Amino acid sequence: MLEEEVVKLLGTYIHLLKPHGQVIFITPQESGFRSDPTHIQFVDFTGLRRIARQSALLVVREFSFPFPRSFGRFFKYNEFISVSRRIE
């Protein structure tokens, strides 16, 4: 999905999130992104912050999983994890 499509989709559901409820975003890092031709836009922590901000969410935690960020160029299953909560 493109960032604007994610924001639009979230907009239809965000009102269902309980106060201080959380949304967890998981996106592939470089190697994982390249491994799947259906991936159309690379979204890193910066992109995930933009999506959260546009969706009235506050980022509370970001991390690389399961290995440090530097592995993302080589290990297909390394992912960006971003946890955000609803802004009240």
Protein backbone atom coordinates (compact mmCIF):
# COMPACT_ATOMS: atom_id res chain seq x y z
CA MET A 1 0.00 0.00 0.00
CA LEU A 2 1.01 3.59 -0.45
CA GLU A 3 1.25 5.81 2.61
CA GLU A 4 -1.84 7.79 1.65
CA GLU A 5 -3.82 4.57 1.28
CA VAL A 6 -2.76 3.46 4.77
CA VAL A 7 -3.86 6.80 6.24
CA LYS A 8 -7.21 6.55 4.46
CA LEU A 9 -7.75 2.97 5.66
CA LEU A 10 -6.81 3.85 9.24
CA GLY A 11 -9.20 6.79 9.09
CA THR A 12 -12.12 4.41 8.68
CA TYR A 13 -11.20 2.43 11.81
CA ILE A 14 -9.34 4.77 14.16
CA HIS A 15 -12.59 5.86 15.85
CA LEU A 16 -13.03 2.26 17.04
CA LEU A 17 -9.78 2.38 18.99
CA LYS A 18 -10.29 2.70 22.75
CA PRO A 19 -8.81 5.75 24.49
CA HIS A 20 -5.06 5.19 24.68
CA GLY A 21 -5.52 2.10 22.49
CA GLN A 22 -2.49 1.09 20.44
CA VAL A 23 -1.78 0.44 16.79
CA ILE A 24 1.24 -1.66 15.86
CA PHE A 25 2.78 -1.12 12.43
CA ILE A 26 5.13 -3.76 11.02
CA THR A 27 6.94 -3.15 7.73
CA PRO A 28 9.83 -5.00 6.09
CA GLN A 29 13.31 -3.55 5.95
CA GLU A 30 15.28 -3.39 2.70
CA SER A 31 15.95 -7.08 2.04
CA GLY A 32 12.38 -8.09 2.88
CA PHE A 33 10.99 -5.27 0.76
CA ARG A 34 13.06 -6.38 -2.25
CA SER A 35 12.05 -10.03 -1.80
CA ASP A 36 8.36 -9.50 -2.58
CA PRO A 37 7.22 -7.92 -5.87
CA THR A 38 3.87 -6.95 -4.29
CA HIS A 39 5.64 -4.43 -2.03
CA ILE A 40 5.17 -1.08 -3.77
CA GLN A 41 6.46 1.53 -1.31
CA PHE A 42 9.32 1.19 1.15
CA VAL A 43 8.21 2.55 4.55
CA ASP A 44 10.82 3.04 7.25
CA PHE A 45 10.52 4.67 10.69
CA THR A 46 10.22 8.12 9.12
CA GLY A 47 7.31 6.98 6.96
CA LEU A 48 5.66 5.23 9.89
CA ARG A 49 5.91 8.47 11.91
CA ARG A 50 4.22 10.37 9.07
CA ILE A 51 1.41 7.80 8.92
CA ALA A 52 0.93 7.96 12.70
CA ARG A 53 0.88 11.78 12.75
CA GLN A 54 -1.65 11.96 9.91
CA SER A 55 -3.82 9.39 11.72
CA ALA A 56 -3.90 11.27 15.06
CA LEU A 57 -1.59 8.70 16.66
CA LEU A 58 1.42 9.31 18.89
CA VAL A 59 4.45 7.05 18.41
CA VAL A 60 5.44 5.55 21.76
CA ARG A 61 8.03 2.97 20.71
CA GLU A 62 10.08 2.03 17.65
CA PHE A 63 12.44 -0.88 17.22
CA SER A 64 14.01 -3.23 14.71
CA PHE A 65 13.02 -6.90 15.00
CA PRO A 66 14.42 -9.49 15.41
CA PHE A 67 17.90 -8.06 14.85
CA PRO A 68 19.44 -4.57 14.99
CA ARG A 69 18.60 -2.20 12.15
CA SER A 70 21.92 -2.83 10.34
CA PHE A 71 20.76 -6.37 9.49
CA GLY A 72 17.84 -5.08 7.42
CA ARG A 73 19.85 -4.80 4.22
CA PHE A 74 20.78 -8.48 4.36
CA PHE A 75 18.25 -10.43 6.46
CA LYS A 76 14.90 -10.80 4.70
CA TYR A 77 12.85 -11.07 7.87
CA ASN A 78 14.11 -7.98 9.72
CA GLU A 79 11.25 -5.56 10.29
CA PHE A 80 10.47 -2.05 11.43
CA ILE A 81 8.09 -2.16 14.40
CA SER A 82 6.31 1.04 15.44
CA VAL A 83 3.85 1.20 18.33
CA SER A 84 1.53 4.19 18.44
CA ARG A 85 -1.37 5.17 20.64
CA ARG A 86 -4.45 7.21 20.05
CA ILE A 87 -4.11 10.89 20.94
CA GLU A 88 -6.86 12.05 23.28
